[in-house]
Amino acid sequence: MSEAEEVRATRTLARSAASIKELRRAVESNDLRLDPAAGEQIRTALEDQMSTVDGWLSRASGLTANAPLGQNPVGQAMAAKFASRAEGGENSFSDVLTKYRAVLEEARDAINAAMRTYEQADERAADDFRKIADDAFRNRA
């Protein structure tokens, strides 16, 4: 991956994380509610993607071993460079995947919270309706 591609990927991941934070704020301020049926589909998709990322992370651990590119200085330098790209710096493969998984997990948690908010609002509305109905029946008697 070129440096420009790394920068674009890092920015995209940062924008995704910021969007999830906005989603979380909307849920916490009760501005966003999500029907549980729709939420379940989204949550399932997020959890499936998290499982996929877990598999990638597991396989990526094998990339950290130095590739057998020879005992000469160039081969050793290239092997070290490839291992560092897999796991090492802040833009390493493992680091980016770990950050991506964290964004997915935050999104799933926000979806769960939005579903709870919907259910709580639905319960409050049902309680209010029952109170109105009870009052109406009492006034008839």
N, C-alpha and C. Protein backbone atom coordinates (compact mmCIF):
# COMPACT_ATOMS: atom_id res chain seq x y z
N MET A 1 0.85 -1.16 0.00
CA MET A 1 0.00 0.00 0.00
C MET A 1 0.90 1.23 0.00
N SER A 2 0.57 2.16 -0.86
CA SER A 2 1.37 3.38 -0.93
C SER A 2 1.04 4.28 0.26
N GLU A 3 1.89 5.28 0.45
CA GLU A 3 1.67 6.21 1.56
C GLU A 3 0.35 6.98 1.38
N ALA A 4 0.03 7.34 0.15
CA ALA A 4 -1.22 8.06 -0.12
C ALA A 4 -2.42 7.18 0.21
N GLU A 5 -2.33 5.89 -0.13
CA GLU A 5 -3.42 4.96 0.19
C GLU A 5 -3.55 4.78 1.70
N GLU A 6 -2.42 4.74 2.40
CA GLU A 6 -2.46 4.63 3.86
C GLU A 6 -3.15 5.84 4.47
N VAL A 7 -2.82 7.02 3.97
CA VAL A 7 -3.43 8.25 4.48
C VAL A 7 -4.93 8.23 4.23
N ARG A 8 -5.34 7.83 3.02
CA ARG A 8 -6.77 7.77 2.71
C ARG A 8 -7.48 6.77 3.61
N ALA A 9 -6.88 5.61 3.80
CA ALA A 9 -7.49 4.58 4.65
C ALA A 9 -7.60 5.06 6.09
N THR A 10 -6.57 5.72 6.58
CA THR A 10 -6.59 6.24 7.95
C THR A 10 -7.67 7.30 8.10
N ARG A 11 -7.80 8.17 7.13
CA ARG A 11 -8.84 9.22 7.18
C ARG A 11 -10.24 8.61 7.12
N THR A 12 -10.41 7.61 6.27
CA THR A 12 -11.71 6.96 6.15
C THR A 12 -12.09 6.28 7.46
N LEU A 13 -11.14 5.62 8.08
CA LEU A 13 -11.40 4.97 9.36
C LEU A 13 -11.73 6.01 10.43
N ALA A 14 -11.01 7.12 10.43
CA ALA A 14 -11.28 8.19 11.39
C ALA A 14 -12.67 8.78 11.18
N ARG A 15 -13.08 8.96 9.91
CA ARG A 15 -14.43 9.48 9.63
C ARG A 15 -15.49 8.48 10.11
N SER A 16 -15.24 7.20 9.90
CA SER A 16 -16.19 6.18 10.36
C SER A 16 -16.32 6.22 11.88
N ALA A 17 -15.20 6.34 12.55
CA ALA A 17 -15.23 6.40 14.02
C ALA A 17 -15.99 7.64 14.48
N ALA A 18 -15.78 8.77 13.82
CA ALA A 18 -16.50 10.00 14.18
C ALA A 18 -17.99 9.85 13.93
N SER A 19 -18.36 9.20 12.84
CA SER A 19 -19.78 8.98 12.54
C SER A 19 -20.43 8.10 13.61
N ILE A 20 -19.72 7.11 14.07
CA ILE A 20 -20.26 6.23 15.11
C ILE A 20 -20.42 7.00 16.41
N LYS A 21 -19.50 7.90 16.70
CA LYS A 21 -19.63 8.74 17.90
C LYS A 21 -20.89 9.62 17.81
N GLU A 22 -21.14 10.17 16.61
CA GLU A 22 -22.36 10.97 16.39
C GLU A 22 -23.60 10.10 16.56
N LEU A 23 -23.56 8.90 16.05
CA LEU A 23 -24.66 7.96 16.21
C LEU A 23 -24.92 7.70 17.69
N ARG A 24 -23.85 7.48 18.44
CA ARG A 24 -23.96 7.22 19.87
C ARG A 24 -24.57 8.42 20.60
N ARG A 25 -24.13 9.63 20.22
CA ARG A 25 -24.68 10.84 20.85
C ARG A 25 -26.17 10.98 20.55
N ALA A 26 -26.56 10.65 19.34
CA ALA A 26 -27.98 10.74 18.97
C ALA A 26 -28.81 9.74 19.78
N VAL A 27 -28.27 8.57 19.99
CA VAL A 27 -28.98 7.56 20.80
C VAL A 27 -29.07 8.02 22.25
N GLU A 28 -27.96 8.50 22.80
CA GLU A 28 -27.93 8.91 24.20
C GLU A 28 -28.85 10.11 24.47
N SER A 29 -29.06 10.96 23.47
CA SER A 29 -29.94 12.12 23.65
C SER A 29 -31.38 11.79 23.26
N ASN A 30 -31.66 10.51 23.02
CA ASN A 30 -33.00 10.03 22.65
C ASN A 30 -33.49 10.60 21.31
N ASP A 31 -32.56 11.06 20.48
CA ASP A 31 -32.93 11.54 19.15
C ASP A 31 -33.02 10.40 18.14
N LEU A 32 -32.49 9.25 18.50
CA LEU A 32 -32.49 8.12 17.59
C LEU A 32 -33.04 6.89 18.30
N ARG A 33 -34.05 6.33 17.70
CA ARG A 33 -34.63 5.07 18.18
C ARG A 33 -34.66 4.12 17.00
N LEU A 34 -34.51 2.84 17.28
CA LEU A 34 -34.44 1.89 16.19
C LEU A 34 -35.34 0.71 16.49
N ASP A 35 -36.24 0.44 15.54
CA ASP A 35 -37.13 -0.70 15.67
C ASP A 35 -36.28 -1.96 15.85
N PRO A 36 -36.61 -2.79 16.84
CA PRO A 36 -35.79 -3.98 17.11
C PRO A 36 -35.64 -4.92 15.92
N ALA A 37 -36.64 -5.05 15.08
CA ALA A 37 -36.52 -5.95 13.92
C ALA A 37 -35.45 -5.44 12.95
N ALA A 38 -35.48 -4.15 12.68
CA ALA A 38 -34.46 -3.57 11.79
C ALA A 38 -33.10 -3.58 12.48
N GLY A 39 -33.11 -3.27 13.76
CA GLY A 39 -31.86 -3.26 14.52
C GLY A 39 -31.19 -4.61 14.55
N GLU A 40 -31.99 -5.65 14.64
CA GLU A 40 -31.43 -7.01 14.68
C GLU A 40 -30.69 -7.33 13.39
N GLN A 41 -31.23 -6.91 12.26
CA GLN A 41 -30.56 -7.15 10.98
C GLN A 41 -29.22 -6.41 10.92
N ILE A 42 -29.22 -5.17 11.37
CA ILE A 42 -27.98 -4.38 11.37
C ILE A 42 -26.97 -5.00 12.34
N ARG A 43 -27.44 -5.35 13.52
CA ARG A 43 -26.55 -5.93 14.53
C ARG A 43 -25.94 -7.25 14.01
N THR A 44 -26.75 -8.07 13.37
CA THR A 44 -26.24 -9.33 12.83
C THR A 44 -25.16 -9.07 11.78
N ALA A 45 -25.39 -8.10 10.91
CA ALA A 45 -24.40 -7.77 9.87
C ALA A 45 -23.10 -7.28 10.51
N LEU A 46 -23.22 -6.44 11.54
CA LEU A 46 -22.02 -5.94 12.23
C LEU A 46 -21.27 -7.07 12.92
N GLU A 47 -22.00 -7.96 13.58
CA GLU A 47 -21.35 -9.08 14.27
C GLU A 47 -20.71 -10.04 13.27
N ASP A 48 -21.33 -10.24 12.12
CA ASP A 48 -20.72 -11.07 11.08
C ASP A 48 -19.40 -10.45 10.61
N GLN A 49 -19.42 -9.13 10.41
CA GLN A 49 -18.20 -8.45 9.98
C GLN A 49 -17.13 -8.51 11.07
N MET A 50 -17.53 -8.40 12.33
CA MET A 50 -16.57 -8.51 13.42
C MET A 50 -15.92 -9.90 13.43
N SER A 51 -16.71 -10.93 13.18
CA SER A 51 -16.16 -12.29 13.12
C SER A 51 -15.17 -12.42 11.97
N THR A 52 -15.48 -11.80 10.85
CA THR A 52 -14.57 -11.83 9.70
C THR A 52 -13.25 -11.14 10.06
N VAL A 53 -13.34 -9.99 10.70
CA VAL A 53 -12.14 -9.26 11.10
C VAL A 53 -11.34 -10.08 12.11
N ASP A 54 -12.01 -10.75 13.03
CA ASP A 54 -11.30 -11.61 13.99
C ASP A 54 -10.50 -12.68 13.25
N GLY A 55 -11.08 -13.25 12.21
CA GLY A 55 -10.37 -14.24 11.40
C GLY A 55 -9.15 -13.63 10.71
N TRP A 56 -9.33 -12.43 10.17
CA TRP A 56 -8.21 -11.75 9.52
C TRP A 56 -7.09 -11.49 10.52
N LEU A 57 -7.48 -11.03 11.73
CA LEU A 57 -6.46 -10.76 12.75
C LEU A 57 -5.72 -12.03 13.14
N SER A 58 -6.45 -13.11 13.23
CA SER A 58 -5.83 -14.38 13.58
C SER A 58 -4.82 -14.80 12.51
N ARG A 59 -5.21 -14.69 11.26
CA ARG A 59 -4.31 -15.06 10.17
C ARG A 59 -3.16 -14.06 10.03
N ALA A 60 -3.40 -12.80 10.39
CA ALA A 60 -2.35 -11.78 10.27
C ALA A 60 -1.20 -12.05 11.22
N SER A 61 -1.45 -12.75 12.30
CA SER A 61 -0.35 -13.02 13.23
C SER A 61 0.75 -13.83 12.56
N GLY A 62 0.40 -14.62 11.56
CA GLY A 62 1.40 -15.37 10.82
C GLY A 62 2.25 -14.51 9.90
N LEU A 63 1.80 -13.31 9.64
CA LEU A 63 2.55 -12.42 8.75
C LEU A 63 3.71 -11.71 9.45
N THR A 64 3.76 -11.82 10.76
CA THR A 64 4.77 -11.07 11.50
C THR A 64 6.14 -11.74 11.49
N ALA A 65 6.19 -13.01 11.12
CA ALA A 65 7.48 -13.69 11.03
C ALA A 65 8.25 -13.15 9.83
N ASN A 66 9.54 -13.01 9.99
CA ASN A 66 10.35 -12.53 8.88
C ASN A 66 10.32 -13.54 7.74
N ALA A 67 10.03 -13.04 6.56
CA ALA A 67 10.01 -13.89 5.37
C ALA A 67 11.43 -14.37 5.05
N PRO A 68 11.56 -15.57 4.55
CA PRO A 68 12.90 -16.09 4.23
C PRO A 68 13.41 -15.51 2.90
N LEU A 69 13.93 -14.31 2.97
CA LEU A 69 14.40 -13.64 1.76
C LEU A 69 15.93 -13.64 1.67
N GLY A 70 16.54 -14.50 2.41
CA GLY A 70 18.00 -14.64 2.34
C GLY A 70 18.69 -14.00 3.52
N GLN A 71 19.95 -14.33 3.64
CA GLN A 71 20.76 -13.84 4.75
C GLN A 71 21.51 -12.56 4.42
N ASN A 72 21.34 -12.07 3.22
CA ASN A 72 22.04 -10.83 2.86
C ASN A 72 21.31 -9.63 3.46
N PRO A 73 21.97 -8.50 3.57
CA PRO A 73 21.38 -7.32 4.21
C PRO A 73 20.08 -6.85 3.54
N VAL A 74 20.01 -6.91 2.22
CA VAL A 74 18.80 -6.46 1.52
C VAL A 74 17.63 -7.39 1.85
N GLY A 75 17.86 -8.70 1.80
CA GLY A 75 16.81 -9.67 2.13
C GLY A 75 16.32 -9.51 3.55
N GLN A 76 17.25 -9.31 4.47
CA GLN A 76 16.86 -9.14 5.87
C GLN A 76 16.10 -7.84 6.08
N ALA A 77 16.53 -6.79 5.40
CA ALA A 77 15.83 -5.50 5.52
C ALA A 77 14.41 -5.59 4.97
N MET A 78 14.27 -6.25 3.83
CA MET A 78 12.93 -6.41 3.24
C MET A 78 12.04 -7.27 4.13
N ALA A 79 12.59 -8.34 4.69
CA ALA A 79 11.81 -9.21 5.57
C ALA A 79 11.34 -8.43 6.80
N ALA A 80 12.21 -7.62 7.36
CA ALA A 80 11.85 -6.81 8.53
C ALA A 80 10.77 -5.78 8.16
N LYS A 81 10.90 -5.20 6.97
CA LYS A 81 9.92 -4.21 6.52
C LYS A 81 8.53 -4.85 6.37
N PHE A 82 8.48 -6.04 5.75
CA PHE A 82 7.19 -6.71 5.58
C PHE A 82 6.58 -7.09 6.92
N ALA A 83 7.41 -7.57 7.85
CA ALA A 83 6.91 -7.94 9.18
C ALA A 83 6.38 -6.71 9.91
N SER A 84 7.07 -5.58 9.74
CA SER A 84 6.63 -4.34 10.38
C SER A 84 5.30 -3.86 9.81
N ARG A 85 5.11 -4.06 8.51
CA ARG A 85 3.84 -3.66 7.89
C ARG A 85 2.69 -4.50 8.43
N ALA A 86 2.98 -5.75 8.74
CA ALA A 86 1.93 -6.63 9.25
C ALA A 86 1.56 -6.26 10.67
N GLU A 87 2.56 -6.02 11.49
CA GLU A 87 2.30 -5.69 12.90
C GLU A 87 3.45 -4.84 13.38
N GLY A 88 3.14 -3.64 13.78
CA GLY A 88 4.22 -2.78 14.24
C GLY A 88 3.77 -1.36 14.46
N GLY A 89 3.72 -0.60 13.39
CA GLY A 89 3.40 0.82 13.51
C GLY A 89 1.92 1.09 13.60
N GLU A 90 1.59 2.36 13.67
CA GLU A 90 0.18 2.73 13.82
C GLU A 90 -0.63 2.48 12.56
N ASN A 91 0.03 2.32 11.43
CA ASN A 91 -0.67 1.99 10.19
C ASN A 91 -0.41 0.55 9.76
N SER A 92 0.04 -0.28 10.70
CA SER A 92 0.27 -1.68 10.36
C SER A 92 -1.07 -2.37 10.10
N PHE A 93 -0.99 -3.47 9.40
CA PHE A 93 -2.18 -4.24 9.05
C PHE A 93 -2.98 -4.60 10.31
N SER A 94 -2.30 -5.15 11.31
CA SER A 94 -2.98 -5.57 12.54
C SER A 94 -3.58 -4.38 13.28
N ASP A 95 -2.85 -3.27 13.32
CA ASP A 95 -3.36 -2.09 14.03
C ASP A 95 -4.61 -1.54 13.35
N VAL A 96 -4.59 -1.45 12.04
CA VAL A 96 -5.74 -0.93 11.31
C VAL A 96 -6.94 -1.86 11.48
N LEU A 97 -6.70 -3.17 11.41
CA LEU A 97 -7.80 -4.12 11.60
C LEU A 97 -8.36 -4.02 13.02
N THR A 98 -7.51 -3.85 14.00
CA THR A 98 -7.96 -3.72 15.39
C THR A 98 -8.82 -2.47 15.56
N LYS A 99 -8.39 -1.37 14.95
CA LYS A 99 -9.17 -0.13 15.01
C LYS A 99 -10.51 -0.30 14.30
N TYR A 100 -10.48 -0.97 13.16
CA TYR A 100 -11.71 -1.22 12.40
C TYR A 100 -12.68 -2.06 13.22
N ARG A 101 -12.17 -3.08 13.89
CA ARG A 101 -13.02 -3.92 14.72
C ARG A 101 -13.64 -3.11 15.86
N ALA A 102 -12.85 -2.20 16.43
CA ALA A 102 -13.37 -1.35 17.50
C ALA A 102 -14.51 -0.47 17.00
N VAL A 103 -14.39 0.05 15.77
CA VAL A 103 -15.46 0.86 15.19
C VAL A 103 -16.71 0.01 15.00
N LEU A 104 -16.53 -1.22 14.51
CA LEU A 104 -17.67 -2.13 14.33
C LEU A 104 -18.34 -2.42 15.68
N GLU A 105 -17.54 -2.63 16.70
CA GLU A 105 -18.08 -2.92 18.03
C GLU A 105 -18.85 -1.72 18.59
N GLU A 106 -18.30 -0.53 18.40
CA GLU A 106 -19.00 0.68 18.84
C GLU A 106 -20.32 0.84 18.10
N ALA A 107 -20.32 0.54 16.81
CA ALA A 107 -21.55 0.63 16.02
C ALA A 107 -22.58 -0.36 16.54
N ARG A 108 -22.15 -1.59 16.82
CA ARG A 108 -23.07 -2.60 17.34
C ARG A 108 -23.65 -2.15 18.69
N ASP A 109 -22.80 -1.60 19.54
CA ASP A 109 -23.27 -1.13 20.85
C ASP A 109 -24.26 0.02 20.69
N ALA A 110 -24.02 0.91 19.73
CA ALA A 110 -24.95 2.02 19.48
C ALA A 110 -26.28 1.49 18.97
N ILE A 111 -26.24 0.48 18.11
CA ILE A 111 -27.48 -0.12 17.60
C ILE A 111 -28.26 -0.76 18.75
N ASN A 112 -27.55 -1.48 19.62
CA ASN A 112 -28.22 -2.08 20.79
C ASN A 112 -28.88 -1.01 21.65
N ALA A 113 -28.19 0.09 21.86
CA ALA A 113 -28.74 1.18 22.67
C ALA A 113 -29.95 1.81 21.98
N ALA A 114 -29.88 1.99 20.66
CA ALA A 114 -31.01 2.56 19.92
C ALA A 114 -32.23 1.65 19.99
N MET A 115 -32.01 0.35 19.96
CA MET A 115 -33.12 -0.60 20.08
C MET A 115 -33.74 -0.52 21.48
N ARG A 116 -32.87 -0.42 22.51
CA ARG A 116 -33.39 -0.29 23.89
C ARG A 116 -34.20 1.00 24.03
N THR A 117 -33.71 2.09 23.44
CA THR A 117 -34.42 3.38 23.50
C THR A 117 -35.80 3.26 22.86
N TYR A 118 -35.86 2.58 21.74
CA TYR A 118 -37.14 2.36 21.05
C TYR A 118 -38.09 1.56 21.96
N GLU A 119 -37.58 0.48 22.54
CA GLU A 119 -38.42 -0.37 23.39
C GLU A 119 -38.90 0.39 24.62
N GLN A 120 -38.02 1.21 25.21
CA GLN A 120 -38.43 2.00 26.37
C GLN A 120 -39.49 3.02 26.00
N ALA A 121 -39.33 3.68 24.86
CA ALA A 121 -40.33 4.66 24.41
C ALA A 121 -41.65 3.96 24.12
N ASP A 122 -41.58 2.78 23.53
CA ASP A 122 -42.78 2.00 23.24
C ASP A 122 -43.48 1.59 24.54
N GLU A 123 -42.72 1.17 25.53
CA GLU A 123 -43.31 0.80 26.83
C GLU A 123 -43.95 2.00 27.51
N ARG A 124 -43.29 3.16 27.46
CA ARG A 124 -43.86 4.37 28.06
C ARG A 124 -45.17 4.75 27.37
N ALA A 125 -45.18 4.66 26.05
CA ALA A 125 -46.40 4.99 25.31
C ALA A 125 -47.52 4.01 25.67
N ALA A 126 -47.19 2.74 25.79
CA ALA A 126 -48.20 1.73 26.16
C ALA A 126 -48.72 2.00 27.57
N ASP A 127 -47.83 2.36 28.48
CA ASP A 127 -48.25 2.69 29.85
C ASP A 127 -49.18 3.91 29.85
N ASP A 128 -48.82 4.92 29.09
CA ASP A 128 -49.66 6.12 28.99
C ASP A 128 -51.04 5.77 28.43
N PHE A 129 -51.05 4.95 27.41
CA PHE A 129 -52.32 4.53 26.81
C PHE A 129 -53.16 3.75 27.81
N ARG A 130 -52.54 2.85 28.56
CA ARG A 130 -53.28 2.09 29.58
C ARG A 130 -53.88 3.00 30.64
N LYS A 131 -53.11 4.02 31.05
CA LYS A 131 -53.62 4.97 32.05
C LYS A 131 -54.83 5.72 31.50
N ILE A 132 -54.74 6.16 30.25
CA ILE A 132 -55.87 6.86 29.63
C ILE A 132 -57.08 5.94 29.56
N ALA A 133 -56.85 4.69 29.14
CA ALA A 133 -57.95 3.74 29.03
C ALA A 133 -58.54 3.45 30.40
N ASP A 134 -57.70 3.27 31.43
CA ASP A 134 -58.20 3.01 32.78
C ASP A 134 -59.04 4.18 33.29
N ASP A 135 -58.55 5.41 33.04
CA ASP A 135 -59.28 6.60 33.47
C ASP A 135 -60.64 6.70 32.76
N ALA A 136 -60.65 6.38 31.48
CA ALA A 136 -61.90 6.43 30.71
C ALA A 136 -62.91 5.42 31.24
N PHE A 137 -62.46 4.21 31.58
CA PHE A 137 -63.38 3.19 32.10
C PHE A 137 -63.87 3.56 33.50
N ARG A 138 -63.02 4.17 34.30
CA ARG A 138 -63.42 4.57 35.65
C ARG A 138 -64.47 5.68 35.58
N ASN A 139 -64.30 6.59 34.65
CA ASN A 139 -65.24 7.71 34.51
C ASN A 139 -66.61 7.24 34.00
N ARG A 140 -66.66 6.12 33.32
CA ARG A 140 -67.92 5.58 32.83
C ARG A 140 -68.73 4.97 33.97
N ALA A 141 -68.02 4.45 34.94
CA ALA A 141 -68.71 3.73 36.02
C ALA A 141 -69.33 4.62 37.04
